[in-house]
Structure formats: C-alpha cells, structure tokens
C-alpha atoms as a PDB file:
ATOM      1  CA  MET A   1     -41.978   9.401 -45.243  1.00  0.00           C
ATOM      2  CA  THR A   2     -42.281  11.987 -42.358  1.00  0.00           C
ATOM      3  CA  GLU A   3     -44.362  11.069 -39.391  1.00  0.00           C
ATOM      4  CA  THR A   4     -46.013  12.040 -36.229  1.00  0.00           C
ATOM      5  CA  ARG A   5     -44.094  10.535 -32.848  1.00  0.00           C
ATOM      6  CA  GLY A   6     -46.215  10.702 -29.351  1.00  0.00           C
ATOM      7  CA  VAL A   7     -44.489  10.155 -26.202  1.00  0.00           C
ATOM      8  CA  GLN A   8     -43.431   6.863 -25.170  1.00  0.00           C
ATOM      9  CA  GLN A   9     -44.220   5.464 -28.186  1.00  0.00           C
ATOM     10  CA  LEU A  10     -42.225   2.584 -28.962  1.00  0.00           C
ATOM     11  CA  LEU A  11     -40.229   2.387 -31.741  1.00  0.00           C
ATOM     12  CA  TRP A  12     -38.873  -1.559 -31.209  1.00  0.00           C
ATOM     13  CA  HIS A  13     -37.942  -4.139 -28.698  1.00  0.00           C
ATOM     14  CA  PRO A  14     -34.884  -5.664 -28.457  1.00  0.00           C
ATOM     15  CA  GLY A  15     -33.988  -8.484 -30.668  1.00  0.00           C
ATOM     16  CA  GLU A  16     -36.909  -7.355 -33.047  1.00  0.00           C
ATOM     17  CA  THR A  17     -36.182  -7.229 -36.922  1.00  0.00           C
ATOM     18  CA  ILE A  18     -35.391  -3.488 -37.546  1.00  0.00           C
ATOM     19  CA  GLY A  19     -37.142  -2.624 -40.556  1.00  0.00           C
ATOM     20  CA  HIS A  20     -36.922   1.486 -40.830  1.00  0.00           C
ATOM     21  CA  VAL A  21     -34.424   3.982 -38.859  1.00  0.00           C
ATOM     22  CA  HIS A  22     -36.024   7.129 -37.574  1.00  0.00           C
ATOM     23  CA  PHE A  23     -34.449  10.392 -38.108  1.00  0.00           C
ATOM     24  CA  PRO A  24     -36.067  12.649 -35.364  1.00  0.00           C
ATOM     25  CA  ALA A  25     -37.008  16.487 -37.015  1.00  0.00           C
ATOM     26  CA  GLY A  26     -38.235  17.700 -33.284  1.00  0.00           C
ATOM     27  CA  ALA A  27     -38.918  14.646 -31.907  1.00  0.00           C
ATOM     28  CA  GLY A  28     -36.359  13.111 -29.460  1.00  0.00           C
ATOM     29  CA  SER A  29     -35.909   9.086 -28.964  1.00  0.00           C
ATOM     30  CA  ALA A  30     -33.692   7.195 -26.521  1.00  0.00           C
ATOM     31  CA  THR A  31     -31.969   3.969 -26.983  1.00  0.00           C
ATOM     32  CA  VAL A  32     -32.758   1.810 -23.705  1.00  0.00           C
ATOM     33  CA  VAL A  33     -30.846  -1.309 -22.749  1.00  0.00           C
ATOM     34  CA  THR A  34     -33.145  -4.133 -21.064  1.00  0.00           C
ATOM     35  CA  MET A  35     -31.653  -4.921 -17.817  1.00  0.00           C
ATOM     36  CA  ARG A  36     -32.292  -8.081 -15.119  1.00  0.00           C
ATOM     37  CA  GLU A  37     -36.533  -8.089 -13.715  1.00  0.00           C
ATOM     38  CA  SER A  38     -37.541  -5.699 -17.123  1.00  0.00           C
ATOM     39  CA  ALA A  39     -35.930  -2.624 -15.755  1.00  0.00           C
ATOM     40  CA  GLY A  40     -33.912  -0.759 -18.289  1.00  0.00           C
ATOM     41  CA  ALA A  41     -31.343   2.254 -18.386  1.00  0.00           C
ATOM     42  CA  GLU A  42     -31.100   4.996 -20.845  1.00  0.00           C
ATOM     43  CA  ALA A  43     -28.013   4.252 -23.595  1.00  0.00           C
ATOM     44  CA  GLY A  44     -28.093   7.367 -25.587  1.00  0.00           C
ATOM     45  CA  MET A  45     -30.424  10.196 -26.999  1.00  0.00           C
ATOM     46  CA  VAL A  46     -31.248  11.357 -30.171  1.00  0.00           C
ATOM     47  CA  GLY A  47     -32.762  14.192 -31.354  1.00  0.00           C
ATOM     48  CA  SER A  48     -32.931  16.245 -35.012  1.00  0.00           C
ATOM     49  CA  GLU A  49     -28.714  15.815 -35.324  1.00  0.00           C
ATOM     50  CA  GLY A  50     -29.006  12.218 -35.841  1.00  0.00           C
ATOM     51  CA  MET A  51     -30.488   8.442 -36.955  1.00  0.00           C
ATOM     52  CA  VAL A  52     -32.920   5.993 -34.583  1.00  0.00           C
ATOM     53  CA  CYS A  53     -30.671   2.687 -34.962  1.00  0.00           C
ATOM     54  CA  LEU A  54     -27.266   3.646 -36.260  1.00  0.00           C
ATOM     55  CA  CYS A  55     -26.237  -0.081 -36.246  1.00  0.00           C
ATOM     56  CA  THR A  56     -28.006  -0.349 -39.230  1.00  0.00           C
ATOM     57  CA  LEU A  57     -25.281   1.210 -41.334  1.00  0.00           C
ATOM     58  CA  LEU A  58     -22.786  -1.432 -40.166  1.00  0.00           C
ATOM     59  CA  GLY A  59     -25.309  -4.289 -41.632  1.00  0.00           C
ATOM     60  CA  CYS A  60     -27.559  -4.877 -38.451  1.00  0.00           C
ATOM     61  CA  ASP A  61     -30.850  -6.619 -39.315  1.00  0.00           C
ATOM     62  CA  THR A  62     -31.285  -6.604 -35.498  1.00  0.00           C
ATOM     63  CA  THR A  63     -30.373  -4.385 -32.137  1.00  0.00           C
ATOM     64  CA  PRO A  64     -30.321  -5.781 -28.075  1.00  0.00           C
ATOM     65  CA  PHE A  65     -31.804  -2.253 -27.494  1.00  0.00           C
ATOM     66  CA  GLU A  66     -35.456  -0.685 -27.047  1.00  0.00           C
ATOM     67  CA  ALA A  67     -36.326   2.475 -28.819  1.00  0.00           C
ATOM     68  CA  VAL A  68     -38.242   4.901 -27.444  1.00  0.00           C
ATOM     69  CA  VAL A  69     -39.808   8.423 -28.576  1.00  0.00           C
ATOM     70  CA  GLN A  70     -39.013  10.288 -25.557  1.00  0.00           C
ATOM     71  CA  SER A  71     -40.135  14.112 -26.531  1.00  0.00           C
ATOM     72  CA  PRO A  72     -43.100  14.401 -29.446  1.00  0.00           C
ATOM     73  CA  GLY A  73     -42.520  15.330 -32.604  1.00  0.00           C
ATOM     74  CA  GLN A  74     -42.557  14.893 -36.163  1.00  0.00           C
ATOM     75  CA  ALA A  75     -39.616  12.139 -37.607  1.00  0.00           C
ATOM     76  CA  LEU A  76     -38.684  10.745 -41.134  1.00  0.00           C
ATOM     77  CA  ARG A  77     -38.647   7.241 -41.876  1.00  0.00           C
ATOM     78  CA  MET A  78     -36.702   5.125 -44.568  1.00  0.00           C
ATOM     79  CA  SER A  79     -36.313   1.800 -44.687  1.00  0.00           C
ATOM     80  CA  THR A  80     -33.489  -0.379 -43.378  1.00  0.00           C
ATOM     81  CA  GLU A  81     -33.157  -2.111 -47.361  1.00  0.00           C
ATOM     82  CA  ALA A  82     -32.996   1.478 -48.483  1.00  0.00           C
ATOM     83  CA  VAL A  83     -30.381   1.617 -46.086  1.00  0.00           C
ATOM     84  CA  HIS A  84     -28.285  -1.202 -46.856  1.00  0.00           C
ATOM     85  CA  ALA A  85     -28.345  -0.515 -50.941  1.00  0.00           C
ATOM     86  CA  ARG A  86     -27.317   3.120 -50.391  1.00  0.00           C
ATOM     87  CA  GLY A  87     -24.287   1.894 -48.135  1.00  0.00           C
ATOM     88  CA  SER A  88     -23.322  -1.311 -50.284  1.00  0.00           C
END
C-alpha cells in the first residue's frame, strides 16, 4: 500500500506494537531515542534506500524508539505480520 507522509507525522511511540513497516519512496524518517525529561536524540535516518523498523526482520513486535517523518513524500507500507511470514 502506498501512503503520503507529512512532516513530523509520528509513525509510532516507543514500546508500541509495530503494526506496519515503512519503505520511504521519496519521504524520509528519523529514528529517535527518548531521553530523560522527554527530550529526544536522533539515532538514525531512513530514506528511499531502507526500511523503517528494521528490527521486525529479527522478529521484534515492539521497538524502544520513536519514528518520525522528517521530509514529506510517498512511502510503501507492509504489515509486520507479512514481514514475519516472509522471514520464516
């Protein structure tokens, strides 16, 4: 499924169940580590070369990170269930 992503759109919060992974196709997303006092630090950036929430390939259902869209554009979306099924 192709979706349009807007700037600062939150894809998920830390600890949330990851329902879908995202493949940016023009959009860019940041992986943010939440620190004390609600501050965050960018831990990584994903563009058209990658997949947002790579840990799902290892069988993870949740992540300690937050994912936020940094640049608007299109992204492909795939269910985490489908990722796990293709990896087994």
